[in-house]
Amino acid sequence: MPATRLIALYVNKSKGASASMHERIEYSQNPEKTEDGELITAYACQPATAAEEFLLARRQYQEIRELRMHITNYSKTHDIYTAYRKAGYSRNFFEAHREEITLHKAAKDAFDQLGLKKIPRVTKLNEEFNCLAKEKNGEYVQYRTA
């Protein structure tokens, strides 16, 4: 995972995060703007792959956050959905608990899309998230001392 310090990304309707990242990297490689590279430092960072690596880490964080949200919603609404099934999928029961049932179905659909047979534990996801954060922060510390 690359560690570098770039100007904060500016993402708008016409320009996504990837385009913004490529723009910042191109700027950092411009000798006129960086006094022939004297103002640029990086650690374990290749300009050709930096944008993809940053976006990959960002995607991994986002996937873990979404999965944690779906697991939480699924567990909170499980009892209501079970009661809904036992009520024979009653329209009145559905109307009374529309939000919870919709959240439960959305979580279940997300698990199906990911192909999960067994729902992972939130603690395991938290460990994975913390591991990613430690790796990123560790590389940044090494970058700062390099």
N, C-alpha and C. Protein backbone atom coordinates (compact mmCIF):
# COMPACT_ATOMS: atom_id res chain seq x y z
N MET A 1 0.86 -1.18 0.00
CA MET A 1 0.00 0.00 0.00
C MET A 1 0.90 1.23 0.00
N PRO A 2 0.68 2.15 -0.91
CA PRO A 2 1.54 3.32 -0.96
C PRO A 2 1.25 4.28 0.19
N ALA A 3 2.25 5.00 0.57
CA ALA A 3 2.07 6.03 1.59
C ALA A 3 2.63 7.31 1.03
N THR A 4 1.81 8.29 0.92
CA THR A 4 2.24 9.58 0.40
C THR A 4 1.29 10.64 0.92
N ARG A 5 1.66 11.85 0.72
CA ARG A 5 0.81 12.96 1.17
C ARG A 5 0.47 13.78 -0.06
N LEU A 6 -0.77 13.71 -0.49
CA LEU A 6 -1.23 14.47 -1.65
C LEU A 6 -2.24 15.50 -1.21
N ILE A 7 -2.43 16.50 -2.04
CA ILE A 7 -3.47 17.49 -1.78
C ILE A 7 -4.80 16.76 -1.69
N ALA A 8 -5.66 17.20 -0.79
CA ALA A 8 -6.96 16.54 -0.63
C ALA A 8 -7.67 16.43 -1.97
N LEU A 9 -8.32 15.28 -2.17
CA LEU A 9 -9.03 15.05 -3.43
C LEU A 9 -10.26 15.92 -3.53
N TYR A 10 -10.50 16.42 -4.71
CA TYR A 10 -11.72 17.16 -4.97
C TYR A 10 -12.49 16.37 -6.00
N VAL A 11 -13.62 15.84 -5.60
CA VAL A 11 -14.44 15.03 -6.49
C VAL A 11 -15.73 15.78 -6.72
N ASN A 12 -16.10 15.93 -7.99
CA ASN A 12 -17.38 16.55 -8.31
C ASN A 12 -18.10 15.70 -9.33
N LYS A 13 -19.19 16.21 -9.87
CA LYS A 13 -20.01 15.42 -10.79
C LYS A 13 -19.24 15.00 -12.04
N SER A 14 -18.38 15.86 -12.53
CA SER A 14 -17.69 15.56 -13.78
C SER A 14 -16.37 14.82 -13.59
N LYS A 15 -15.88 14.75 -12.35
CA LYS A 15 -14.57 14.14 -12.11
C LYS A 15 -14.65 13.23 -10.89
N GLY A 16 -14.34 11.96 -11.07
CA GLY A 16 -14.38 11.00 -9.97
C GLY A 16 -13.09 10.98 -9.19
N ALA A 17 -13.03 10.11 -8.19
CA ALA A 17 -11.86 10.01 -7.33
C ALA A 17 -10.63 9.56 -8.11
N SER A 18 -10.82 8.63 -9.04
CA SER A 18 -9.69 8.14 -9.82
C SER A 18 -9.08 9.25 -10.67
N ALA A 19 -9.94 10.02 -11.34
CA ALA A 19 -9.45 11.13 -12.17
C ALA A 19 -8.74 12.17 -11.31
N SER A 20 -9.29 12.45 -10.13
CA SER A 20 -8.67 13.41 -9.22
C SER A 20 -7.30 12.92 -8.77
N MET A 21 -7.21 11.63 -8.45
CA MET A 21 -5.94 11.06 -8.01
C MET A 21 -4.90 11.14 -9.12
N HIS A 22 -5.29 10.78 -10.34
CA HIS A 22 -4.36 10.86 -11.47
C HIS A 22 -3.90 12.30 -11.69
N GLU A 23 -4.81 13.24 -11.53
CA GLU A 23 -4.46 14.66 -11.69
C GLU A 23 -3.42 15.08 -10.66
N ARG A 24 -3.58 14.64 -9.40
CA ARG A 24 -2.63 14.99 -8.35
C ARG A 24 -1.26 14.37 -8.61
N ILE A 25 -1.27 13.12 -9.09
CA ILE A 25 0.00 12.44 -9.36
C ILE A 25 0.72 13.12 -10.52
N GLU A 26 -0.02 13.47 -11.56
CA GLU A 26 0.60 14.18 -12.68
C GLU A 26 1.20 15.51 -12.21
N TYR A 27 0.48 16.20 -11.34
CA TYR A 27 0.98 17.46 -10.79
C TYR A 27 2.28 17.23 -10.04
N SER A 28 2.32 16.15 -9.25
CA SER A 28 3.51 15.89 -8.44
C SER A 28 4.72 15.53 -9.30
N GLN A 29 4.48 15.09 -10.53
CA GLN A 29 5.59 14.73 -11.41
C GLN A 29 6.02 15.88 -12.32
N ASN A 30 5.36 17.00 -12.22
CA ASN A 30 5.70 18.16 -13.04
C ASN A 30 6.91 18.86 -12.43
N PRO A 31 8.07 18.84 -13.12
CA PRO A 31 9.28 19.42 -12.54
C PRO A 31 9.18 20.93 -12.30
N GLU A 32 8.36 21.62 -13.07
CA GLU A 32 8.21 23.06 -12.87
C GLU A 32 7.49 23.37 -11.56
N LYS A 33 6.57 22.51 -11.17
CA LYS A 33 5.78 22.75 -9.95
C LYS A 33 6.48 22.25 -8.69
N THR A 34 7.41 21.31 -8.84
CA THR A 34 8.01 20.67 -7.66
C THR A 34 9.52 20.91 -7.55
N GLU A 35 10.02 21.90 -8.26
CA GLU A 35 11.45 22.21 -8.26
C GLU A 35 12.28 20.96 -8.56
N ASP A 36 11.99 20.36 -9.70
CA ASP A 36 12.66 19.14 -10.18
C ASP A 36 12.56 17.99 -9.18
N GLY A 37 11.43 17.85 -8.52
CA GLY A 37 11.17 16.74 -7.63
C GLY A 37 11.68 16.92 -6.22
N GLU A 38 12.31 18.04 -5.91
CA GLU A 38 12.85 18.26 -4.56
C GLU A 38 11.74 18.39 -3.52
N LEU A 39 10.57 18.80 -3.94
CA LEU A 39 9.46 18.99 -3.00
C LEU A 39 8.60 17.74 -2.85
N ILE A 40 8.97 16.66 -3.51
CA ILE A 40 8.17 15.44 -3.50
C ILE A 40 8.93 14.33 -2.80
N THR A 41 8.25 13.66 -1.87
CA THR A 41 8.79 12.46 -1.25
C THR A 41 7.68 11.43 -1.21
N ALA A 42 8.06 10.18 -1.24
CA ALA A 42 7.08 9.08 -1.16
C ALA A 42 7.80 7.86 -0.63
N TYR A 43 7.04 6.94 -0.09
CA TYR A 43 7.59 5.70 0.45
C TYR A 43 6.79 4.55 -0.15
N ALA A 44 7.47 3.60 -0.79
CA ALA A 44 6.83 2.43 -1.38
C ALA A 44 5.68 2.83 -2.31
N CYS A 45 5.92 3.84 -3.10
CA CYS A 45 4.86 4.38 -3.94
C CYS A 45 5.36 4.52 -5.37
N GLN A 46 4.71 3.84 -6.28
CA GLN A 46 5.02 3.96 -7.69
C GLN A 46 3.91 4.79 -8.34
N PRO A 47 4.23 5.86 -9.02
CA PRO A 47 3.20 6.71 -9.61
C PRO A 47 2.25 5.96 -10.53
N ALA A 48 2.74 4.93 -11.21
CA ALA A 48 1.90 4.20 -12.16
C ALA A 48 0.79 3.43 -11.46
N THR A 49 1.02 3.00 -10.22
CA THR A 49 0.01 2.19 -9.52
C THR A 49 -0.58 2.87 -8.30
N ALA A 50 -0.10 4.04 -7.95
CA ALA A 50 -0.54 4.69 -6.71
C ALA A 50 -2.05 4.92 -6.66
N ALA A 51 -2.62 5.44 -7.74
CA ALA A 51 -4.05 5.74 -7.74
C ALA A 51 -4.86 4.47 -7.53
N GLU A 52 -4.49 3.40 -8.23
CA GLU A 52 -5.23 2.15 -8.09
C GLU A 52 -5.10 1.57 -6.68
N GLU A 53 -3.91 1.70 -6.09
CA GLU A 53 -3.72 1.18 -4.73
C GLU A 53 -4.52 1.98 -3.70
N PHE A 54 -4.54 3.29 -3.86
CA PHE A 54 -5.35 4.11 -2.94
C PHE A 54 -6.82 3.77 -3.08
N LEU A 55 -7.28 3.64 -4.32
CA LEU A 55 -8.70 3.34 -4.55
C LEU A 55 -9.05 1.94 -4.07
N LEU A 56 -8.12 0.99 -4.18
CA LEU A 56 -8.36 -0.36 -3.68
C LEU A 56 -8.55 -0.34 -2.17
N ALA A 57 -7.67 0.36 -1.47
CA ALA A 57 -7.79 0.46 -0.01
C ALA A 57 -9.11 1.13 0.36
N ARG A 58 -9.46 2.16 -0.36
CA ARG A 58 -10.72 2.87 -0.10
C ARG A 58 -11.92 1.94 -0.31
N ARG A 59 -11.86 1.14 -1.39
CA ARG A 59 -12.94 0.20 -1.68
C ARG A 59 -13.04 -0.86 -0.59
N GLN A 60 -11.90 -1.34 -0.10
CA GLN A 60 -11.91 -2.35 0.95
C GLN A 60 -12.55 -1.79 2.22
N TYR A 61 -12.20 -0.56 2.59
CA TYR A 61 -12.83 0.07 3.75
C TYR A 61 -14.34 0.16 3.55
N GLN A 62 -14.76 0.60 2.37
CA GLN A 62 -16.18 0.78 2.09
C GLN A 62 -16.93 -0.56 2.14
N GLU A 63 -16.35 -1.61 1.57
CA GLU A 63 -16.99 -2.92 1.58
C GLU A 63 -17.19 -3.43 3.00
N ILE A 64 -16.18 -3.25 3.84
CA ILE A 64 -16.29 -3.70 5.23
C ILE A 64 -17.37 -2.90 5.95
N ARG A 65 -17.40 -1.57 5.75
CA ARG A 65 -18.43 -0.74 6.38
C ARG A 65 -19.83 -1.18 5.97
N GLU A 66 -20.03 -1.41 4.67
CA GLU A 66 -21.35 -1.82 4.18
C GLU A 66 -21.75 -3.17 4.74
N LEU A 67 -20.82 -4.11 4.76
CA LEU A 67 -21.12 -5.44 5.28
C LEU A 67 -21.47 -5.37 6.76
N ARG A 68 -20.73 -4.57 7.53
CA ARG A 68 -21.06 -4.40 8.96
C ARG A 68 -22.46 -3.82 9.13
N MET A 69 -22.81 -2.84 8.29
CA MET A 69 -24.14 -2.23 8.37
C MET A 69 -25.22 -3.27 8.09
N HIS A 70 -25.02 -4.10 7.04
CA HIS A 70 -26.02 -5.11 6.70
C HIS A 70 -26.14 -6.17 7.79
N ILE A 71 -25.03 -6.56 8.38
CA ILE A 71 -25.07 -7.55 9.46
C ILE A 71 -25.84 -6.99 10.65
N THR A 72 -25.57 -5.74 10.98
CA THR A 72 -26.27 -5.09 12.10
C THR A 72 -27.77 -5.01 11.82
N ASN A 73 -28.14 -4.56 10.63
CA ASN A 73 -29.55 -4.47 10.26
C ASN A 73 -30.22 -5.83 10.28
N TYR A 74 -29.52 -6.83 9.77
CA TYR A 74 -30.06 -8.19 9.71
C TYR A 74 -30.33 -8.71 11.12
N SER A 75 -29.37 -8.54 12.01
CA SER A 75 -29.55 -9.07 13.37
C SER A 75 -30.62 -8.31 14.15
N LYS A 76 -30.71 -7.00 13.93
CA LYS A 76 -31.73 -6.21 14.64
C LYS A 76 -33.14 -6.54 14.18
N THR A 77 -33.30 -6.92 12.92
CA THR A 77 -34.64 -7.13 12.36
C THR A 77 -35.00 -8.60 12.21
N HIS A 78 -34.13 -9.49 12.64
CA HIS A 78 -34.36 -10.92 12.46
C HIS A 78 -35.64 -11.40 13.15
N ASP A 79 -35.86 -10.98 14.38
CA ASP A 79 -37.05 -11.42 15.12
C ASP A 79 -38.34 -10.95 14.45
N ILE A 80 -38.35 -9.72 13.99
CA ILE A 80 -39.55 -9.18 13.33
C ILE A 80 -39.81 -9.93 12.03
N TYR A 81 -38.74 -10.21 11.28
CA TYR A 81 -38.93 -10.92 10.01
C TYR A 81 -39.41 -12.35 10.25
N THR A 82 -38.92 -12.99 11.30
CA THR A 82 -39.38 -14.33 11.65
C THR A 82 -40.86 -14.30 12.01
N ALA A 83 -41.27 -13.30 12.77
CA ALA A 83 -42.69 -13.15 13.12
C ALA A 83 -43.53 -12.89 11.86
N TYR A 84 -43.00 -12.14 10.93
CA TYR A 84 -43.69 -11.85 9.66
C TYR A 84 -43.89 -13.14 8.87
N ARG A 85 -42.88 -13.99 8.84
CA ARG A 85 -43.01 -15.28 8.14
C ARG A 85 -44.04 -16.16 8.83
N LYS A 86 -44.01 -16.19 10.17
CA LYS A 86 -44.97 -17.01 10.93
C LYS A 86 -46.39 -16.50 10.77
N ALA A 87 -46.54 -15.20 10.50
CA ALA A 87 -47.87 -14.61 10.30
C ALA A 87 -48.37 -14.87 8.88
N GLY A 88 -47.61 -15.65 8.12
CA GLY A 88 -48.03 -15.99 6.76
C GLY A 88 -47.85 -14.83 5.80
N TYR A 89 -46.84 -14.03 6.02
CA TYR A 89 -46.56 -12.86 5.17
C TYR A 89 -47.78 -11.94 5.09
N SER A 90 -48.37 -11.71 6.25
CA SER A 90 -49.58 -10.89 6.37
C SER A 90 -49.32 -9.45 5.91
N ARG A 91 -50.24 -8.94 5.10
CA ARG A 91 -50.12 -7.56 4.60
C ARG A 91 -50.20 -6.56 5.76
N ASN A 92 -51.07 -6.82 6.73
CA ASN A 92 -51.20 -5.92 7.88
C ASN A 92 -49.91 -5.88 8.70
N PHE A 93 -49.31 -7.06 8.91
CA PHE A 93 -48.06 -7.13 9.65
C PHE A 93 -46.96 -6.38 8.89
N PHE A 94 -46.94 -6.57 7.57
CA PHE A 94 -45.94 -5.89 6.74
C PHE A 94 -46.08 -4.38 6.85
N GLU A 95 -47.30 -3.87 6.77
CA GLU A 95 -47.52 -2.43 6.85
C GLU A 95 -47.10 -1.88 8.22
N ALA A 96 -47.33 -2.67 9.26
CA ALA A 96 -46.97 -2.23 10.61
C ALA A 96 -45.45 -2.21 10.83
N HIS A 97 -44.73 -3.05 10.09
CA HIS A 97 -43.28 -3.19 10.27
C HIS A 97 -42.53 -3.05 8.94
N ARG A 98 -43.01 -2.18 8.09
CA ARG A 98 -42.46 -2.02 6.74
C ARG A 98 -40.95 -1.73 6.76
N GLU A 99 -40.52 -0.78 7.58
CA GLU A 99 -39.12 -0.38 7.60
C GLU A 99 -38.20 -1.53 8.01
N GLU A 100 -38.56 -2.24 9.08
CA GLU A 100 -37.72 -3.33 9.56
C GLU A 100 -37.65 -4.47 8.54
N ILE A 101 -38.78 -4.80 7.94
CA ILE A 101 -38.81 -5.89 6.96
C ILE A 101 -38.01 -5.52 5.72
N THR A 102 -38.12 -4.27 5.29
CA THR A 102 -37.36 -3.81 4.13
C THR A 102 -35.86 -3.84 4.41
N LEU A 103 -35.45 -3.41 5.60
CA LEU A 103 -34.03 -3.47 5.97
C LEU A 103 -33.53 -4.92 5.98
N HIS A 104 -34.35 -5.81 6.52
CA HIS A 104 -33.97 -7.22 6.60
C HIS A 104 -33.79 -7.81 5.20
N LYS A 105 -34.75 -7.51 4.31
CA LYS A 105 -34.66 -8.03 2.94
C LYS A 105 -33.45 -7.45 2.21
N ALA A 106 -33.16 -6.18 2.43
CA ALA A 106 -32.00 -5.55 1.78
C ALA A 106 -30.70 -6.21 2.26
N ALA A 107 -30.62 -6.49 3.55
CA ALA A 107 -29.43 -7.15 4.09
C ALA A 107 -29.30 -8.55 3.51
N LYS A 108 -30.42 -9.26 3.44
CA LYS A 108 -30.40 -10.61 2.90
C LYS A 108 -29.98 -10.60 1.43
N ASP A 109 -30.48 -9.65 0.66
CA ASP A 109 -30.10 -9.51 -0.75
C ASP A 109 -28.61 -9.22 -0.89
N ALA A 110 -28.08 -8.38 -0.01
CA ALA A 110 -26.64 -8.06 -0.04
C ALA A 110 -25.81 -9.31 0.23
N PHE A 111 -26.23 -10.13 1.18
CA PHE A 111 -25.51 -11.37 1.48
C PHE A 111 -25.56 -12.31 0.29
N ASP A 112 -26.72 -12.39 -0.36
CA ASP A 112 -26.86 -13.25 -1.54
C ASP A 112 -25.96 -12.77 -2.68
N GLN A 113 -25.89 -11.46 -2.88
CA GLN A 113 -25.04 -10.90 -3.94
C GLN A 113 -23.57 -11.20 -3.69
N LEU A 114 -23.18 -11.19 -2.44
CA LEU A 114 -21.79 -11.49 -2.08
C LEU A 114 -21.50 -12.99 -2.05
N GLY A 115 -22.56 -13.79 -2.17
CA GLY A 115 -22.40 -15.24 -2.16
C GLY A 115 -22.05 -15.79 -0.79
N LEU A 116 -22.50 -15.12 0.25
CA LEU A 116 -22.20 -15.56 1.62
C LEU A 116 -23.19 -16.63 2.06
N LYS A 117 -22.68 -17.78 2.41
CA LYS A 117 -23.52 -18.84 2.96
C LYS A 117 -23.65 -18.65 4.47
N LYS A 118 -22.55 -18.21 5.07
CA LYS A 118 -22.53 -17.95 6.51
C LYS A 118 -22.16 -16.49 6.71
N ILE A 119 -22.92 -15.81 7.53
CA ILE A 119 -22.69 -14.39 7.77
C ILE A 119 -21.47 -14.24 8.69
N PRO A 120 -20.49 -13.43 8.28
CA PRO A 120 -19.31 -13.24 9.13
C PRO A 120 -19.64 -12.46 10.40
N ARG A 121 -18.85 -12.66 11.41
CA ARG A 121 -19.04 -11.95 12.67
C ARG A 121 -18.51 -10.52 12.54
N VAL A 122 -19.19 -9.61 13.20
CA VAL A 122 -18.78 -8.20 13.16
C VAL A 122 -17.40 -8.04 13.77
N THR A 123 -17.08 -8.81 14.79
CA THR A 123 -15.75 -8.71 15.41
C THR A 123 -14.65 -9.07 14.41
N LYS A 124 -14.91 -10.07 13.57
CA LYS A 124 -13.93 -10.45 12.54
C LYS A 124 -13.77 -9.32 11.52
N LEU A 125 -14.87 -8.70 11.14
CA LEU A 125 -14.80 -7.57 10.21
C LEU A 125 -14.06 -6.39 10.84
N ASN A 126 -14.31 -6.15 12.13
CA ASN A 126 -13.61 -5.07 12.83
C ASN A 126 -12.10 -5.33 12.86
N GLU A 127 -11.72 -6.59 13.08
CA GLU A 127 -10.30 -6.95 13.07
C GLU A 127 -9.69 -6.68 11.70
N GLU A 128 -10.41 -7.07 10.64
CA GLU A 128 -9.92 -6.85 9.28
C GLU A 128 -9.79 -5.35 8.99
N PHE A 129 -10.78 -4.58 9.42
CA PHE A 129 -10.77 -3.13 9.22
C PHE A 129 -9.58 -2.51 9.96
N ASN A 130 -9.39 -2.93 11.22
CA ASN A 130 -8.27 -2.41 12.02
C ASN A 130 -6.92 -2.81 11.43
N CYS A 131 -6.85 -4.02 10.87
CA CYS A 131 -5.61 -4.47 10.24
C CYS A 131 -5.28 -3.59 9.04
N LEU A 132 -6.28 -3.27 8.22
CA LEU A 132 -6.07 -2.36 7.09
C LEU A 132 -5.61 -0.99 7.56
N ALA A 133 -6.25 -0.50 8.62
CA ALA A 133 -5.90 0.82 9.14
C ALA A 133 -4.47 0.82 9.71
N LYS A 134 -4.09 -0.25 10.42
CA LYS A 134 -2.74 -0.34 10.98
C LYS A 134 -1.70 -0.38 9.87
N GLU A 135 -2.01 -1.15 8.81
CA GLU A 135 -1.08 -1.24 7.69
C GLU A 135 -0.89 0.13 7.05
N LYS A 136 -2.00 0.81 6.84
CA LYS A 136 -1.93 2.14 6.23
C LYS A 136 -1.17 3.11 7.13
N ASN A 137 -1.50 3.13 8.42
CA ASN A 137 -0.84 4.04 9.35
C ASN A 137 0.63 3.68 9.54
N GLY A 138 0.95 2.39 9.56
CA GLY A 138 2.33 1.96 9.69
C GLY A 138 3.17 2.41 8.51
N GLU A 139 2.61 2.29 7.32
CA GLU A 139 3.34 2.74 6.13
C GLU A 139 3.49 4.26 6.16
N TYR A 140 2.48 4.95 6.66
CA TYR A 140 2.58 6.41 6.73
C TYR A 140 3.67 6.82 7.71
N VAL A 141 3.78 6.12 8.84
CA VAL A 141 4.83 6.42 9.82
C VAL A 141 6.20 6.18 9.19
N GLN A 142 6.35 5.07 8.47
CA GLN A 142 7.62 4.80 7.80
C GLN A 142 7.92 5.88 6.76
N TYR A 143 6.89 6.32 6.07
CA TYR A 143 7.06 7.39 5.08
C TYR A 143 7.53 8.67 5.75
N ARG A 144 6.94 8.99 6.91
CA ARG A 144 7.30 10.23 7.62
C ARG A 144 8.76 10.20 8.08
N THR A 145 9.25 9.02 8.47
CA THR A 145 10.62 8.92 8.96
C THR A 145 11.63 8.76 7.83
N ALA A 146 11.17 8.40 6.64
CA ALA A 146 12.10 8.18 5.50
C ALA A 146 12.60 9.50 4.94
